[in-house]
N, C-alpha and C. Protein backbone atom coordinates (compact mmCIF):
# COMPACT_ATOMS: atom_id res chain seq x y z
N MET A 1 1.01 -1.17 -0.05
CA MET A 1 0.15 -0.01 0.09
C MET A 1 0.68 1.27 0.02
N SER A 2 0.69 2.24 -0.81
CA SER A 2 1.44 3.30 -1.28
C SER A 2 1.23 4.49 0.33
N GLN A 3 2.14 5.04 0.47
CA GLN A 3 2.19 6.09 1.57
C GLN A 3 0.56 7.12 1.25
N SER A 4 0.62 7.36 0.02
CA SER A 4 -0.97 8.36 0.12
C SER A 4 -2.07 7.45 0.32
N ALA A 5 -2.02 6.01 0.22
CA ALA A 5 -3.32 5.39 0.44
C ALA A 5 -3.46 5.22 1.49
N ARG A 6 -2.24 4.93 2.78
CA ARG A 6 -2.26 4.86 3.74
C ARG A 6 -2.64 5.67 4.55
N ILE A 7 -2.20 7.34 4.44
CA ILE A 7 -2.84 8.66 4.75
C ILE A 7 -4.21 8.68 4.51
N GLN A 8 -4.76 8.09 3.32
CA GLN A 8 -6.34 8.18 2.93
C GLN A 8 -7.12 7.27 3.98
N ALA A 9 -6.54 6.06 3.95
CA ALA A 9 -7.21 4.88 5.06
C ALA A 9 -7.13 5.32 6.55
N SER A 10 -6.21 6.00 6.71
CA SER A 10 -6.08 6.55 8.19
C SER A 10 -6.91 7.77 8.55
N LEU A 11 -7.24 8.52 7.51
CA LEU A 11 -8.20 9.52 7.33
C LEU A 11 -9.52 9.22 7.62
N ILE A 12 -9.64 8.20 6.80
CA ILE A 12 -11.19 7.54 6.71
C ILE A 12 -11.34 6.97 7.70
N ALA A 13 -10.42 6.19 8.65
CA ALA A 13 -10.66 5.64 10.20
C ALA A 13 -11.20 6.69 11.14
N VAL A 14 -10.61 7.91 10.89
CA VAL A 14 -10.61 8.97 11.76
C VAL A 14 -11.83 9.15 11.99
N TRP A 15 -12.20 9.91 10.55
CA TRP A 15 -13.52 10.33 10.25
C TRP A 15 -14.66 9.19 10.76
N ILE A 16 -14.48 7.77 10.42
CA ILE A 16 -15.68 6.82 10.90
C ILE A 16 -15.74 6.91 12.29
N ASN A 17 -14.71 7.15 13.37
CA ASN A 17 -14.46 7.02 14.68
C ASN A 17 -15.07 8.37 15.12
N ALA A 18 -14.82 9.53 14.35
CA ALA A 18 -15.29 10.62 14.94
C ALA A 18 -17.05 10.40 14.60
N SER A 19 -17.52 10.25 13.67
CA SER A 19 -18.80 9.87 13.48
C SER A 19 -19.51 9.41 14.42
N LYS A 20 -18.80 8.10 14.69
CA LYS A 20 -19.72 7.63 15.77
C LYS A 20 -19.96 7.58 17.44
N ARG A 21 -18.90 9.14 17.80
CA ARG A 21 -19.03 9.69 18.89
C ARG A 21 -19.89 10.71 19.33
N PRO A 22 -20.96 10.73 20.43
CA PRO A 22 -21.65 11.36 20.67
C PRO A 22 -20.89 13.18 20.56
N ARG A 23 -21.67 14.01 20.18
CA ARG A 23 -21.30 15.33 20.01
C ARG A 23 -21.70 15.77 20.90
N SER A 24 -21.11 17.16 21.35
CA SER A 24 -21.10 17.92 22.36
C SER A 24 -22.43 19.13 22.02
N SER A 25 -22.58 19.66 22.84
CA SER A 25 -23.53 20.94 22.39
C SER A 25 -23.16 21.82 21.71
N SER A 26 -21.84 22.22 22.08
CA SER A 26 -21.27 23.20 21.65
C SER A 26 -20.73 22.84 19.81
N CYS A 27 -20.40 21.21 19.83
CA CYS A 27 -20.17 21.23 18.38
C CYS A 27 -21.60 21.48 17.52
N GLU A 28 -22.86 20.75 18.04
CA GLU A 28 -24.21 20.90 17.35
C GLU A 28 -24.02 22.17 17.07
N SER A 29 -24.25 23.16 17.81
CA SER A 29 -24.16 24.70 17.71
C SER A 29 -23.52 25.10 16.82
N TRP A 30 -21.97 24.90 16.78
CA TRP A 30 -21.10 25.56 16.22
C TRP A 30 -21.79 24.83 14.59
N LEU A 31 -21.85 23.54 14.43
CA LEU A 31 -22.22 22.92 12.96
C LEU A 31 -24.04 23.43 12.66
N ALA A 32 -24.74 24.10 13.36
CA ALA A 32 -26.03 24.90 13.07
C ALA A 32 -25.74 26.10 12.26
N ARG A 33 -24.69 26.82 13.05
CA ARG A 33 -24.40 27.72 12.41
C ARG A 33 -23.94 27.70 10.91
N ARG A 34 -23.04 26.97 10.88
CA ARG A 34 -22.18 26.66 9.65
C ARG A 34 -23.00 26.03 8.26
N ARG A 35 -24.06 25.57 8.79
CA ARG A 35 -25.28 24.98 8.03
C ARG A 35 -25.95 26.15 7.80
N MET A 36 -26.22 27.31 8.65
CA MET A 36 -27.28 28.16 8.48
C MET A 36 -26.51 29.16 7.40
N SER A 37 -25.31 29.33 7.43
CA SER A 37 -24.29 30.19 6.66
C SER A 37 -23.98 29.67 5.26
N GLN A 38 -24.20 28.04 5.45
CA GLN A 38 -24.19 27.55 3.89
C GLN A 38 -25.90 27.55 3.19
N GLY A 39 -26.79 28.36 3.74
CA GLY A 39 -28.04 28.55 3.38
C GLY A 39 -28.76 27.28 3.52
N ARG A 40 -28.38 26.44 4.51
CA ARG A 40 -29.18 25.05 4.64
C ARG A 40 -29.94 25.04 6.20
N PRO A 41 -31.04 26.12 6.06
CA PRO A 41 -31.94 26.37 7.26
C PRO A 41 -32.71 25.21 7.70
N ALA A 42 -33.17 23.93 7.03
CA ALA A 42 -33.56 23.12 7.71
C ALA A 42 -32.68 22.14 8.38
N GLU A 43 -31.44 21.92 7.65
CA GLU A 43 -30.42 21.29 8.41
C GLU A 43 -30.03 22.05 9.76
N ALA A 44 -29.84 23.56 9.76
CA ALA A 44 -29.46 24.04 10.73
C ALA A 44 -30.43 23.73 12.25
N LEU A 45 -31.87 24.11 11.63
CA LEU A 45 -32.53 23.75 12.67
C LEU A 45 -32.50 22.38 13.30
N LEU A 46 -32.40 21.35 12.43
CA LEU A 46 -31.94 20.42 13.35
C LEU A 46 -30.55 20.07 13.67
N ARG A 47 -29.86 20.58 13.74
CA ARG A 47 -28.18 20.70 14.41
C ARG A 47 -28.86 21.35 15.65
N ALA A 48 -29.45 22.65 15.62
CA ALA A 48 -30.03 23.26 16.74
C ALA A 48 -30.69 22.38 17.74
N GLY A 49 -31.78 21.69 17.15
CA GLY A 49 -32.56 20.68 18.08
C GLY A 49 -31.65 19.73 18.89
N GLN A 50 -30.28 19.30 17.98
CA GLN A 50 -29.71 17.86 18.59
C GLN A 50 -28.86 18.76 19.75
N ALA A 51 -28.46 19.99 19.53
CA ALA A 51 -27.85 20.82 20.18
C ALA A 51 -28.30 20.85 21.69
N LEU A 52 -29.92 21.12 21.59
CA LEU A 52 -30.77 21.30 22.77
C LEU A 52 -30.89 19.74 23.32
N ALA A 53 -31.16 18.81 22.53
CA ALA A 53 -31.51 17.37 23.27
C ALA A 53 -29.83 16.80 23.94
N LEU A 54 -28.96 17.64 23.32
CA LEU A 54 -27.76 17.23 24.23
C LEU A 54 -27.30 17.90 25.87
N GLN A 55 -27.87 19.43 25.69
CA GLN A 55 -27.66 19.84 26.86
C GLN A 55 -28.87 20.90 26.30
N PRO A 56 -30.11 20.88 27.60
CA PRO A 56 -31.67 21.33 27.06
C PRO A 56 -31.43 23.27 27.43
N GLU A 57 -30.17 23.28 28.23
CA GLU A 57 -30.40 25.04 28.57
C GLU A 57 -29.00 25.74 28.50
N ASP A 58 -28.73 25.23 27.10
CA ASP A 58 -27.42 25.61 26.40
C ASP A 58 -28.15 27.04 25.90
N PRO A 59 -27.58 28.23 26.17
CA PRO A 59 -27.56 29.25 25.89
C PRO A 59 -27.24 29.54 24.52
N ASP A 60 -26.23 28.93 23.71
CA ASP A 60 -26.19 29.17 22.70
C ASP A 60 -26.68 28.39 21.48
N ALA A 61 -27.26 27.40 22.02
CA ALA A 61 -28.48 26.46 21.19
C ALA A 61 -29.50 27.11 21.08
N LEU A 62 -30.07 28.01 21.84
CA LEU A 62 -31.31 28.85 22.35
C LEU A 62 -31.24 29.63 21.33
N TYR A 63 -30.09 30.20 21.69
CA TYR A 63 -29.72 31.83 21.12
C TYR A 63 -30.17 31.59 19.50
N ASN A 64 -29.51 30.51 18.93
CA ASN A 64 -29.18 30.13 17.71
C ASN A 64 -30.76 29.25 17.00
N LEU A 65 -31.30 28.74 17.62
CA LEU A 65 -32.59 28.31 17.40
C LEU A 65 -33.55 29.44 17.20
N GLY A 66 -33.59 30.41 18.12
CA GLY A 66 -34.43 31.95 18.19
C GLY A 66 -34.10 32.49 16.59
N ALA A 67 -32.44 32.41 16.61
CA ALA A 67 -32.41 33.39 15.14
C ALA A 67 -32.79 32.47 13.96
N PHE A 68 -32.71 31.48 13.98
CA PHE A 68 -32.80 30.26 12.86
C PHE A 68 -34.11 30.60 12.45
N ARG A 69 -34.92 30.38 13.40
CA ARG A 69 -36.51 30.64 13.41
C ARG A 69 -37.29 32.16 12.83
N PHE A 70 -36.48 32.68 13.30
CA PHE A 70 -36.95 34.10 12.86
C PHE A 70 -36.70 34.30 11.23
N ALA A 71 -35.42 33.86 11.13
CA ALA A 71 -34.25 33.60 9.67
C ALA A 71 -35.55 33.43 8.54
N LEU A 72 -36.47 32.36 9.24
CA LEU A 72 -36.94 31.18 8.48
C LEU A 72 -38.82 32.06 8.33
N GLY A 73 -38.75 33.23 9.14
CA GLY A 73 -40.07 33.81 9.31
C GLY A 73 -40.94 33.09 10.36
N ASP A 74 -40.44 32.49 11.39
CA ASP A 74 -41.48 32.04 12.27
C ASP A 74 -40.79 32.65 13.55
N ALA A 75 -41.74 33.80 13.60
CA ALA A 75 -41.18 35.12 14.78
C ALA A 75 -42.01 34.21 16.15
N VAL A 76 -42.79 33.33 16.07
CA VAL A 76 -43.70 33.16 17.44
C VAL A 76 -42.28 31.97 18.19
N GLY A 77 -41.78 31.29 17.28
CA GLY A 77 -40.54 30.54 17.54
C GLY A 77 -39.48 30.92 17.98
N ALA A 78 -39.02 31.77 17.18
CA ALA A 78 -37.93 32.68 17.85
C ALA A 78 -38.27 33.55 19.38
N GLU A 79 -39.49 33.78 19.40
CA GLU A 79 -39.86 34.38 20.66
C GLU A 79 -40.23 33.47 21.99
N ALA A 80 -40.24 32.75 21.57
CA ALA A 80 -40.55 31.15 22.50
C ALA A 80 -38.58 30.52 22.94
N ALA A 81 -37.93 30.87 21.97
CA ALA A 81 -36.30 30.36 22.40
C ALA A 81 -35.48 31.48 23.03
N TRP A 82 -36.09 32.96 22.74
CA TRP A 82 -34.94 33.96 23.14
C TRP A 82 -35.65 34.18 24.22
N GLY A 83 -36.87 34.16 24.70
CA GLY A 83 -37.79 34.41 25.64
C GLY A 83 -36.90 33.48 26.95
N LEU A 84 -36.19 32.33 27.01
CA LEU A 84 -35.53 32.12 27.66
C LEU A 84 -34.41 32.35 28.26
N LEU A 85 -33.92 33.28 27.50
CA LEU A 85 -32.72 34.14 27.51
C LEU A 85 -32.85 35.16 28.26
N PRO A 86 -33.21 35.61 29.38
CA PRO A 86 -33.51 36.81 30.09
C PRO A 86 -31.98 37.90 29.74
N GLN A 87 -30.94 37.42 30.01
CA GLN A 87 -29.93 38.02 30.67
C GLN A 87 -28.58 38.02 29.20
N ARG A 88 -29.16 37.60 28.21
CA ARG A 88 -28.63 37.58 26.51
C ARG A 88 -29.09 38.65 25.76
N SER A 89 -28.13 39.63 25.44
CA SER A 89 -28.40 40.71 25.09
C SER A 89 -28.74 40.56 23.43
N GLY A 90 -27.99 39.49 22.98
CA GLY A 90 -28.80 39.82 21.43
C GLY A 90 -30.33 39.07 21.18
N ALA A 91 -30.46 38.01 22.60
CA ALA A 91 -31.73 37.31 22.44
C ALA A 91 -32.95 38.41 23.09
N LEU A 92 -32.25 39.22 23.68
CA LEU A 92 -33.41 40.73 24.07
C LEU A 92 -33.33 41.73 22.87
N ARG A 93 -32.50 42.08 22.03
CA ARG A 93 -32.39 42.23 21.04
C ARG A 93 -33.40 41.86 20.00
N GLY A 94 -33.15 40.63 19.24
CA GLY A 94 -33.98 40.30 18.60
C GLY A 94 -35.64 39.89 19.36
N LEU A 95 -35.93 40.13 20.51
CA LEU A 95 -37.17 40.28 20.93
C LEU A 95 -37.31 41.68 20.61
N ALA A 96 -36.64 42.60 20.77
CA ALA A 96 -37.39 44.01 20.78
C ALA A 96 -37.53 44.48 19.19
N GLY A 97 -36.88 43.52 18.02
CA GLY A 97 -37.18 43.45 16.57
C GLY A 97 -38.38 43.00 16.31
N ILE A 98 -39.09 41.73 17.11
CA ILE A 98 -40.27 41.44 16.96
C ILE A 98 -41.28 42.29 17.59
N ARG A 99 -40.88 42.95 19.14
CA ARG A 99 -41.63 43.80 18.93
C ARG A 99 -42.02 44.91 18.27
N GLN A 100 -41.31 45.44 17.37
CA GLN A 100 -41.33 46.56 16.75
C GLN A 100 -41.80 45.95 15.31
N ASP A 101 -41.83 45.08 14.78
CA ASP A 101 -42.50 44.41 13.95
C ASP A 101 -43.97 44.17 14.35
N GLN A 102 -44.35 44.31 15.41
CA GLN A 102 -45.66 43.87 16.08
C GLN A 102 -45.94 45.61 16.34
N ASN A 103 -45.58 46.11 15.80
CA ASN A 103 -46.08 47.94 16.11
C ASN A 103 -46.17 47.61 17.97
N ARG A 104 -45.35 47.61 18.48
CA ARG A 104 -45.33 47.67 19.94
C ARG A 104 -43.90 48.46 20.44
N PRO A 105 -43.85 49.62 20.39
CA PRO A 105 -42.87 50.49 20.30
C PRO A 105 -42.42 50.59 21.84
N GLY A 106 -43.41 50.84 22.76
CA GLY A 106 -42.72 50.81 24.43
C GLY A 106 -41.83 49.60 24.39
N GLU A 107 -42.47 48.45 24.34
CA GLU A 107 -42.16 46.98 24.79
C GLU A 107 -40.76 47.39 23.73
N ALA A 108 -40.85 47.50 22.80
CA ALA A 108 -39.19 47.28 21.76
C ALA A 108 -38.04 48.15 22.74
N ALA A 109 -38.56 49.10 22.92
CA ALA A 109 -37.66 50.57 24.01
C ALA A 109 -37.20 49.45 24.79
N ALA A 110 -38.11 48.92 25.75
CA ALA A 110 -37.65 48.67 27.15
C ALA A 110 -37.16 47.32 26.98
N LEU A 111 -37.08 46.55 26.04
CA LEU A 111 -36.30 45.30 25.39
C LEU A 111 -35.06 45.56 25.11
N TYR A 112 -34.58 46.93 24.30
CA TYR A 112 -33.22 47.42 23.78
C TYR A 112 -32.59 47.84 25.39
N ALA A 113 -33.55 48.52 25.78
CA ALA A 113 -33.06 49.48 27.32
C ALA A 113 -32.26 48.28 28.24
N ARG A 114 -33.20 47.28 28.23
CA ARG A 114 -32.67 45.86 29.05
C ARG A 114 -31.38 45.02 28.09
N ALA A 115 -31.03 45.18 26.98
CA ALA A 115 -30.03 44.30 26.42
C ALA A 115 -28.87 45.42 26.39
N ILE A 116 -28.77 46.70 26.95
CA ILE A 116 -28.02 47.75 26.68
C ILE A 116 -27.59 47.25 28.52
N THR A 117 -28.39 47.28 29.29
CA THR A 117 -28.19 46.97 30.57
C THR A 117 -27.41 45.77 30.74
N VAL A 118 -27.85 44.65 30.14
CA VAL A 118 -27.15 43.44 30.77
C VAL A 118 -25.65 43.23 29.70
N SER A 119 -25.50 44.21 28.91
CA SER A 119 -24.54 44.01 28.39
C SER A 119 -23.37 44.88 29.05
N GLY A 120 -23.83 45.64 29.84
CA GLY A 120 -22.77 46.67 30.69
C GLY A 120 -22.59 47.78 29.14
N ARG A 121 -23.57 48.21 28.47
CA ARG A 121 -23.42 49.14 27.55
C ARG A 121 -22.47 48.62 26.39
N ARG A 122 -22.10 47.49 26.41
CA ARG A 122 -21.14 46.79 25.07
C ARG A 122 -21.92 46.89 23.84
N ASP A 123 -23.16 46.58 23.98
CA ASP A 123 -23.98 46.20 22.83
C ASP A 123 -24.31 47.05 21.85
N LEU A 124 -23.56 47.40 20.90
CA LEU A 124 -23.86 48.28 20.13
C LEU A 124 -24.93 48.41 19.14
N GLU A 125 -25.13 47.37 18.64
CA GLU A 125 -26.12 47.14 17.87
C GLU A 125 -27.70 47.30 18.79
N ALA A 126 -27.89 47.09 20.08
CA ALA A 126 -28.94 47.63 20.95
C ALA A 126 -28.86 49.14 21.17
N LEU A 127 -27.97 49.89 21.33
CA LEU A 127 -27.74 51.24 21.41
C LEU A 127 -28.26 52.05 20.21
N LEU A 128 -27.92 51.45 19.04
CA LEU A 128 -28.65 51.91 17.63
C LEU A 128 -29.54 51.70 17.72
N GLY A 129 -30.22 50.21 18.04
CA GLY A 129 -31.67 50.19 17.52
C GLY A 129 -32.53 50.67 18.55
N LEU A 130 -32.25 51.08 20.00
CA LEU A 130 -32.64 52.14 20.79
C LEU A 130 -32.95 53.68 19.99
N GLY A 131 -31.77 53.86 19.67
CA GLY A 131 -31.71 55.34 19.02
C GLY A 131 -32.55 55.33 17.38
N ALA A 132 -32.63 54.30 16.77
CA ALA A 132 -33.35 54.62 15.85
C ALA A 132 -34.91 54.65 16.19
N LEU A 133 -34.85 53.73 17.25
CA LEU A 133 -36.62 53.59 17.98
C LEU A 133 -36.96 54.85 18.15
N LEU A 134 -36.47 55.21 18.93
CA LEU A 134 -36.99 56.76 19.47
C LEU A 134 -36.55 58.04 18.71
N ALA A 135 -35.99 58.13 17.85
CA ALA A 135 -35.79 59.13 16.69
C ALA A 135 -36.96 58.86 15.84
N THR A 136 -37.21 57.68 15.13
CA THR A 136 -38.65 56.96 14.54
C THR A 136 -40.07 57.37 15.44
N GLN A 137 -39.88 57.53 16.44
CA GLN A 137 -40.93 57.65 17.49
C GLN A 137 -41.35 59.12 17.63
N GLY A 138 -40.20 60.28 16.94
CA GLY A 138 -40.28 61.58 17.12
C GLY A 138 -39.48 62.42 18.36
N ASN A 139 -38.41 61.54 19.07
CA ASN A 139 -37.87 61.67 20.42
C ASN A 139 -36.06 61.77 19.56
N PRO A 140 -35.96 62.44 18.83
CA PRO A 140 -34.22 62.60 18.48
C PRO A 140 -33.30 62.78 19.21
N GLU A 141 -34.22 64.00 20.54
CA GLU A 141 -32.98 64.52 21.61
C GLU A 141 -32.70 63.23 22.40
N ALA A 142 -33.76 62.43 22.61
CA ALA A 142 -33.21 61.61 23.28
C ALA A 142 -32.42 60.23 22.48
N ALA A 143 -32.41 59.66 21.19
CA ALA A 143 -31.44 59.34 20.58
C ALA A 143 -30.40 59.71 20.48
N LEU A 144 -30.03 60.87 19.96
CA LEU A 144 -28.67 61.72 19.74
C LEU A 144 -27.39 60.88 20.56
N PRO A 145 -27.67 60.81 21.83
CA PRO A 145 -27.14 60.52 22.70
C PRO A 145 -26.55 59.15 22.53
N LEU A 146 -27.39 58.48 22.33
CA LEU A 146 -26.88 56.80 21.98
C LEU A 146 -26.20 57.19 20.81
N PHE A 147 -26.60 57.65 19.70
CA PHE A 147 -25.81 57.39 18.23
C PHE A 147 -24.41 58.06 18.62
N THR A 148 -24.57 58.92 19.31
CA THR A 148 -23.05 59.71 19.78
C THR A 148 -22.02 58.93 20.61
N GLU A 149 -22.54 57.83 21.45
CA GLU A 149 -21.94 57.13 22.20
C GLU A 149 -21.67 55.63 21.74
N VAL A 150 -22.10 55.21 20.08
CA VAL A 150 -22.32 54.49 19.42
C VAL A 150 -20.65 55.15 18.45
N LEU A 151 -20.58 55.73 18.03
CA LEU A 151 -19.78 56.60 17.50
C LEU A 151 -18.40 56.64 18.12
N ASP A 152 -18.80 57.07 19.43
CA ASP A 152 -17.40 57.32 20.37
C ASP A 152 -16.94 56.02 20.34
N ARG A 153 -17.41 55.00 20.70
CA ARG A 153 -17.17 53.88 21.28
C ARG A 153 -16.59 53.35 19.67
N HIS A 154 -16.95 53.29 18.57
CA HIS A 154 -16.80 52.87 17.30
C HIS A 154 -15.16 53.57 16.63
N GLY A 155 -15.14 54.58 17.71
CA GLY A 155 -13.42 55.09 17.09
C GLY A 155 -14.21 56.14 16.05
N GLY A 156 -15.22 56.80 15.92
CA GLY A 156 -16.02 57.50 14.67
C GLY A 156 -15.70 57.01 13.15
N HIS A 157 -15.49 55.81 12.97
CA HIS A 157 -15.62 55.65 11.88
C HIS A 157 -17.14 54.99 11.52
C-alpha cells in the first residue's frame, strides 16, 4: 500500500470514529451556525435541536434556535426560544425587533434598554436599535446621545 493510500485510509478511519462518537452541544451549535451560513436552514434547525437535546439549557443553542426560526419567518418560535434567555443581550435585541414588527414600540424600547443594561453598554446594536426607535417615534433628542455613544465607542469610523 502506498503512503498516500495509508494516509487516506487513516483519515477515513479517524472520520468513521469521530462520526460514531456523540457530539457535544457546542459542536452541534457550531454545526448549526455553519449550516445556516451555507444556506441550509432545515439542517441548521435540526442541528440546533440536536444541541438542545444534548444540553437543554444551552444558551448558545437556544439563541441559535431563535435566530434560525426568525430568519425563516417564524417569529413565534423565535420569541419562544429567545424568551428563555433574559440575560442575553442578543436575544433581548431580537425580541425588541419582533416587538417593533408588531408595532409595540414601548415594549421594544424596554427590551433594547434591558439589552444595553445586561451587556454593560457593550451591545452597540442595541444602542443603535434604541436610538433608531426613539428617533422614528419623534424623540431625536433622546436618540442623539445613543448615536454619539456608538460613534465614540466605534472610534468615529
